[in-house]
Every structure is written in C-alpha cells, then in structure tokens.
N, C-alpha and C. Protein backbone atom coordinates (compact mmCIF):
# COMPACT_ATOMS: atom_id res chain seq x y z
N MET A 1 101.34 134.76 103.67
CA MET A 1 101.59 133.71 102.69
C MET A 1 101.20 132.36 103.29
N SER A 2 100.38 131.62 102.57
CA SER A 2 99.95 130.30 103.05
C SER A 2 101.09 129.31 102.94
N THR A 3 101.21 128.50 103.98
CA THR A 3 102.24 127.47 103.97
C THR A 3 101.65 126.10 103.69
N ASP A 4 100.32 126.04 103.49
CA ASP A 4 99.66 124.77 103.25
C ASP A 4 99.91 124.28 101.83
N LEU A 5 100.14 122.98 101.71
CA LEU A 5 100.39 122.35 100.42
C LEU A 5 99.44 121.16 100.32
N SER A 6 98.68 121.08 99.25
CA SER A 6 97.73 119.97 99.09
C SER A 6 98.49 118.68 98.82
N PRO A 7 97.85 117.54 99.13
CA PRO A 7 98.49 116.26 98.80
C PRO A 7 98.86 116.16 97.32
N GLU A 8 97.98 116.64 96.47
CA GLU A 8 98.25 116.57 95.02
C GLU A 8 99.46 117.42 94.64
N ALA A 9 99.57 118.60 95.26
CA ALA A 9 100.72 119.45 94.98
C ALA A 9 102.01 118.80 95.46
N LEU A 10 101.95 118.14 96.61
CA LEU A 10 103.14 117.44 97.10
C LEU A 10 103.50 116.29 96.18
N MET A 11 102.51 115.56 95.69
CA MET A 11 102.79 114.45 94.76
C MET A 11 103.56 114.97 93.55
N THR A 12 103.15 116.12 93.03
CA THR A 12 103.83 116.72 91.88
C THR A 12 105.24 117.15 92.24
N ARG A 13 105.39 117.77 93.39
CA ARG A 13 106.72 118.25 93.80
C ARG A 13 107.69 117.10 94.07
N LEU A 14 107.18 115.98 94.54
CA LEU A 14 108.07 114.85 94.85
C LEU A 14 108.73 114.26 93.62
N VAL A 15 108.14 114.45 92.45
CA VAL A 15 108.75 113.92 91.23
C VAL A 15 109.46 115.02 90.43
N SER A 16 109.59 116.19 91.03
CA SER A 16 110.27 117.30 90.35
C SER A 16 111.79 117.15 90.51
N PRO A 17 112.56 117.92 89.75
CA PRO A 17 114.02 117.85 89.88
C PRO A 17 114.54 118.29 91.26
N SER A 18 113.76 119.09 91.98
CA SER A 18 114.17 119.56 93.30
C SER A 18 113.06 119.26 94.32
N PRO A 19 112.89 117.99 94.68
CA PRO A 19 111.80 117.66 95.60
C PRO A 19 112.08 118.19 97.01
N PRO A 20 111.01 118.47 97.75
CA PRO A 20 111.20 118.92 99.13
C PRO A 20 111.61 117.75 100.03
N LEU A 21 112.17 118.09 101.16
CA LEU A 21 112.42 117.12 102.21
C LEU A 21 111.11 116.96 102.96
N VAL A 22 110.60 115.74 103.08
CA VAL A 22 109.33 115.49 103.75
C VAL A 22 109.63 114.92 105.14
N ILE A 23 109.04 115.57 106.15
CA ILE A 23 109.28 115.17 107.53
C ILE A 23 107.97 114.82 108.21
N ASP A 24 107.90 113.61 108.68
CA ASP A 24 106.76 113.09 109.43
C ASP A 24 106.94 113.54 110.88
N VAL A 25 106.06 114.40 111.36
CA VAL A 25 106.16 114.90 112.73
C VAL A 25 105.00 114.40 113.59
N ARG A 26 104.48 113.22 113.24
CA ARG A 26 103.46 112.65 114.12
C ARG A 26 104.09 112.35 115.47
N LYS A 27 103.31 112.53 116.53
CA LYS A 27 103.80 112.20 117.87
C LYS A 27 104.17 110.72 117.90
N PRO A 28 105.13 110.32 118.74
CA PRO A 28 105.58 108.93 118.76
C PRO A 28 104.45 107.91 118.88
N GLU A 29 103.47 108.17 119.73
CA GLU A 29 102.38 107.21 119.89
C GLU A 29 101.53 107.07 118.63
N ALA A 30 101.33 108.15 117.89
CA ALA A 30 100.58 108.10 116.63
C ALA A 30 101.40 107.36 115.57
N PHE A 31 102.70 107.59 115.57
CA PHE A 31 103.56 106.92 114.60
C PHE A 31 103.61 105.42 114.88
N ARG A 32 103.71 105.05 116.14
CA ARG A 32 103.73 103.62 116.48
C ARG A 32 102.40 102.95 116.14
N ALA A 33 101.30 103.68 116.22
CA ALA A 33 99.99 103.12 115.89
C ALA A 33 99.87 102.81 114.41
N GLU A 34 100.57 103.55 113.57
CA GLU A 34 100.59 103.31 112.13
C GLU A 34 101.99 103.64 111.61
N PRO A 35 102.91 102.67 111.66
CA PRO A 35 104.30 102.93 111.27
C PRO A 35 104.53 102.87 109.75
N ALA A 36 103.65 103.52 109.02
CA ALA A 36 103.84 103.70 107.58
C ALA A 36 104.11 105.18 107.37
N THR A 37 104.65 105.52 106.22
CA THR A 37 105.00 106.91 105.97
C THR A 37 104.94 107.19 104.47
N ILE A 38 105.05 108.45 104.13
CA ILE A 38 105.12 108.85 102.73
C ILE A 38 106.51 108.43 102.21
N PRO A 39 106.60 107.86 101.01
CA PRO A 39 107.90 107.44 100.50
C PRO A 39 108.94 108.57 100.58
N GLY A 40 110.08 108.24 101.14
CA GLY A 40 111.17 109.20 101.26
C GLY A 40 111.10 110.09 102.49
N ALA A 41 110.00 110.05 103.22
CA ALA A 41 109.87 110.89 104.41
C ALA A 41 110.74 110.35 105.54
N ILE A 42 111.13 111.25 106.42
CA ILE A 42 111.85 110.87 107.62
C ILE A 42 110.99 111.26 108.82
N TRP A 43 111.02 110.45 109.86
CA TRP A 43 110.27 110.78 111.08
C TRP A 43 111.17 111.54 112.03
N ARG A 44 110.62 112.60 112.60
CA ARG A 44 111.32 113.35 113.63
C ARG A 44 110.31 113.68 114.72
N ASP A 45 110.76 113.60 115.96
CA ASP A 45 109.91 113.87 117.11
C ASP A 45 109.57 115.37 117.14
N PRO A 46 108.29 115.71 117.07
CA PRO A 46 107.93 117.13 117.07
C PRO A 46 108.31 117.84 118.37
N LEU A 47 108.42 117.10 119.46
CA LEU A 47 108.77 117.71 120.73
C LEU A 47 110.27 117.98 120.86
N ALA A 48 111.06 117.47 119.92
CA ALA A 48 112.51 117.67 119.94
C ALA A 48 112.95 118.50 118.73
N LEU A 49 112.07 119.30 118.18
CA LEU A 49 112.35 120.06 116.97
C LEU A 49 113.62 120.91 117.12
N ALA A 50 113.83 121.51 118.26
CA ALA A 50 115.02 122.34 118.46
C ALA A 50 116.30 121.51 118.31
N ASP A 51 116.22 120.22 118.62
CA ASP A 51 117.40 119.35 118.53
C ASP A 51 117.74 118.96 117.09
N TRP A 52 116.72 118.75 116.26
CA TRP A 52 117.00 118.26 114.90
C TRP A 52 116.90 119.30 113.80
N SER A 53 116.25 120.42 114.06
CA SER A 53 116.03 121.39 112.99
C SER A 53 117.33 122.01 112.47
N GLY A 54 118.34 122.13 113.32
CA GLY A 54 119.61 122.71 112.88
C GLY A 54 120.35 121.85 111.88
N GLY A 55 120.01 120.57 111.79
CA GLY A 55 120.68 119.68 110.86
C GLY A 55 120.01 119.57 109.50
N LEU A 56 118.96 120.35 109.28
CA LEU A 56 118.28 120.28 107.98
C LEU A 56 119.11 120.96 106.91
N PRO A 57 119.08 120.42 105.70
CA PRO A 57 119.88 121.02 104.62
C PRO A 57 119.36 122.40 104.26
N GLY A 58 120.25 123.35 104.13
CA GLY A 58 119.87 124.70 103.75
C GLY A 58 119.45 124.78 102.29
N GLY A 59 118.59 125.72 101.99
CA GLY A 59 118.19 125.95 100.61
C GLY A 59 117.23 124.92 100.04
N ARG A 60 116.70 124.06 100.87
CA ARG A 60 115.77 123.04 100.39
C ARG A 60 114.43 123.20 101.10
N ALA A 61 113.35 123.18 100.35
CA ALA A 61 112.03 123.27 100.95
C ALA A 61 111.76 122.04 101.80
N VAL A 62 110.98 122.23 102.84
CA VAL A 62 110.61 121.16 103.76
C VAL A 62 109.09 121.11 103.84
N VAL A 63 108.53 119.90 103.85
CA VAL A 63 107.09 119.71 104.05
C VAL A 63 106.93 118.82 105.27
N VAL A 64 106.14 119.29 106.24
CA VAL A 64 105.90 118.52 107.46
C VAL A 64 104.45 118.04 107.47
N TYR A 65 104.25 116.89 108.11
CA TYR A 65 102.88 116.40 108.28
C TYR A 65 102.74 115.64 109.58
N CYS A 66 101.52 115.70 110.12
CA CYS A 66 101.15 114.90 111.29
C CYS A 66 99.96 114.04 110.86
N VAL A 67 99.14 113.61 111.77
CA VAL A 67 98.03 112.73 111.41
C VAL A 67 97.01 113.44 110.52
N HIS A 68 96.53 114.61 110.98
CA HIS A 68 95.46 115.32 110.26
C HIS A 68 95.86 116.69 109.73
N GLY A 69 97.09 117.12 109.96
CA GLY A 69 97.52 118.42 109.47
C GLY A 69 97.04 119.57 110.32
N HIS A 70 96.86 119.33 111.59
CA HIS A 70 96.39 120.38 112.47
C HIS A 70 97.52 120.89 113.36
N GLU A 71 97.32 120.83 114.63
CA GLU A 71 98.19 121.48 115.61
C GLU A 71 99.65 121.04 115.56
N VAL A 72 99.91 119.75 115.55
CA VAL A 72 101.30 119.27 115.63
C VAL A 72 102.11 119.74 114.43
N SER A 73 101.63 119.49 113.24
CA SER A 73 102.41 119.89 112.06
C SER A 73 102.39 121.39 111.85
N ARG A 74 101.31 122.07 112.21
CA ARG A 74 101.27 123.53 112.08
C ARG A 74 102.30 124.16 113.02
N ASN A 75 102.37 123.67 114.24
CA ASN A 75 103.37 124.20 115.18
C ASN A 75 104.79 123.94 114.68
N ALA A 76 105.03 122.73 114.14
CA ALA A 76 106.35 122.40 113.61
C ALA A 76 106.69 123.30 112.42
N CYS A 77 105.74 123.49 111.54
CA CYS A 77 105.95 124.34 110.37
C CYS A 77 106.28 125.77 110.79
N ASP A 78 105.50 126.30 111.72
CA ASP A 78 105.75 127.66 112.19
C ASP A 78 107.13 127.79 112.84
N ALA A 79 107.50 126.81 113.65
CA ALA A 79 108.81 126.84 114.32
C ALA A 79 109.95 126.78 113.29
N LEU A 80 109.80 125.95 112.27
CA LEU A 80 110.83 125.85 111.24
C LEU A 80 110.94 127.16 110.46
N ARG A 81 109.81 127.76 110.15
CA ARG A 81 109.82 129.04 109.42
C ARG A 81 110.50 130.13 110.25
N ARG A 82 110.27 130.14 111.55
CA ARG A 82 110.94 131.11 112.42
C ARG A 82 112.46 130.91 112.41
N ARG A 83 112.89 129.70 112.09
CA ARG A 83 114.32 129.41 112.01
C ARG A 83 114.88 129.65 110.60
N GLY A 84 114.07 130.23 109.73
CA GLY A 84 114.52 130.58 108.39
C GLY A 84 114.41 129.46 107.37
N ILE A 85 113.68 128.41 107.69
CA ILE A 85 113.53 127.28 106.78
C ILE A 85 112.27 127.46 105.94
N ASP A 86 112.36 127.15 104.67
CA ASP A 86 111.22 127.23 103.75
C ASP A 86 110.32 126.04 104.01
N ALA A 87 109.51 126.14 105.07
CA ALA A 87 108.69 125.01 105.52
C ALA A 87 107.24 125.18 105.09
N HIS A 88 106.63 124.03 104.78
CA HIS A 88 105.22 123.98 104.36
C HIS A 88 104.53 122.86 105.12
N LEU A 89 103.23 122.97 105.20
CA LEU A 89 102.39 122.02 105.92
C LEU A 89 101.60 121.20 104.90
N LEU A 90 101.58 119.89 105.04
CA LEU A 90 100.77 119.05 104.18
C LEU A 90 99.32 119.15 104.65
N ALA A 91 98.49 119.78 103.85
CA ALA A 91 97.08 119.95 104.20
C ALA A 91 96.41 118.58 104.35
N GLY A 92 95.71 118.40 105.45
CA GLY A 92 95.04 117.11 105.71
C GLY A 92 95.93 116.08 106.34
N GLY A 93 97.23 116.37 106.45
CA GLY A 93 98.16 115.44 107.09
C GLY A 93 98.25 114.09 106.40
N PHE A 94 98.68 113.10 107.16
CA PHE A 94 98.87 111.76 106.63
C PHE A 94 97.54 111.16 106.17
N GLU A 95 96.48 111.43 106.90
CA GLU A 95 95.16 110.92 106.51
C GLU A 95 94.71 111.54 105.19
N GLY A 96 94.95 112.83 105.01
CA GLY A 96 94.61 113.49 103.75
C GLY A 96 95.42 112.95 102.59
N TRP A 97 96.69 112.64 102.86
CA TRP A 97 97.56 112.05 101.84
C TRP A 97 96.98 110.71 101.37
N LYS A 98 96.62 109.86 102.32
CA LYS A 98 96.07 108.55 101.97
C LYS A 98 94.74 108.69 101.24
N THR A 99 93.88 109.59 101.69
CA THR A 99 92.58 109.81 101.05
C THR A 99 92.76 110.26 99.60
N ALA A 100 93.80 111.06 99.35
CA ALA A 100 94.07 111.55 97.99
C ALA A 100 94.74 110.50 97.11
N GLY A 101 94.98 109.30 97.65
CA GLY A 101 95.58 108.23 96.86
C GLY A 101 97.10 108.23 96.90
N GLY A 102 97.67 108.96 97.85
CA GLY A 102 99.13 108.98 97.98
C GLY A 102 99.67 107.64 98.43
N GLN A 103 100.81 107.29 97.91
CA GLN A 103 101.46 106.02 98.25
C GLN A 103 102.02 106.09 99.67
N VAL A 104 101.93 104.97 100.40
CA VAL A 104 102.56 104.87 101.70
C VAL A 104 103.45 103.63 101.70
N VAL A 105 104.50 103.69 102.52
CA VAL A 105 105.45 102.60 102.63
C VAL A 105 105.76 102.37 104.11
N PRO A 106 106.27 101.20 104.46
CA PRO A 106 106.69 101.00 105.85
C PRO A 106 107.82 101.98 106.18
N ALA A 107 107.80 102.49 107.39
CA ALA A 107 108.86 103.41 107.83
C ALA A 107 110.18 102.68 107.94
N ALA A 108 111.26 103.38 107.69
CA ALA A 108 112.58 102.80 107.85
C ALA A 108 112.81 102.48 109.31
N ARG A 109 113.53 101.42 109.59
CA ARG A 109 113.76 101.00 110.98
C ARG A 109 114.39 102.10 111.81
N GLY A 110 115.30 102.85 111.24
CA GLY A 110 115.98 103.91 111.97
C GLY A 110 115.08 105.08 112.32
N ASP A 111 113.94 105.17 111.66
CA ASP A 111 113.01 106.27 111.92
C ASP A 111 111.99 105.94 112.98
N ARG A 112 112.00 104.74 113.50
CA ARG A 112 110.96 104.34 114.44
C ARG A 112 111.28 104.80 115.86
N PRO A 113 110.28 105.45 116.50
CA PRO A 113 110.50 105.91 117.90
C PRO A 113 110.48 104.75 118.87
C-alpha cells in the first residue's frame, strides 16, 4: 500500500471534517534555513522520533514531510507505521507543496529548533 499523498490530496484532506495531523520533519538546519511551514503543521526533530511519536493522538492520520519528500520523511513515515500509526508521506515534500501552490506560514515560535 502506497503511503505517498500528493500535495493536492493533502490540500483536500486539510479542509475535511477529519484532517490529518501534519508533521514537518525537516532536519533542524533545513528548518532554520526556511522557517516557514504548512498551516497547522508542527515541527518535530526526525532524529528524536522515538521521543515524540508516543505522544501522537491515536486514531488520527498523520502526514510527514521534509524538504523534498525523500529519505528523511520516508524514514519517519516508515518508523511511524511500524509503531501502528496511520502515517503518510507528502510527495515532493515542502518544495512540492509550494510548487503545487500550497499556502505556507511562518512557523510557530515553539516549533523552532
């Protein structure tokens, strides 16, 4: 089963009655280089996934993204799925989101590494 979700599909899901939890898993240096995020997303350190994954709400889909949707977010998605979380990967990552016309906002102060 593919876990990839297109930017357009995520845009649709974000306005649904049960939107997924969106998690920005860009490495800290990538996040600091561009501290904007998808509206409503939270940043979490991909290298500390074991520390924060247990606090995710049960029964809610999760979408993770990194810069380009490759190794970092794929590894995070796979790790979350192994923990029983309904996790998906944003195809193309943050760059794909922006290219598709997705809205970006400044990251919340508490989310900054």
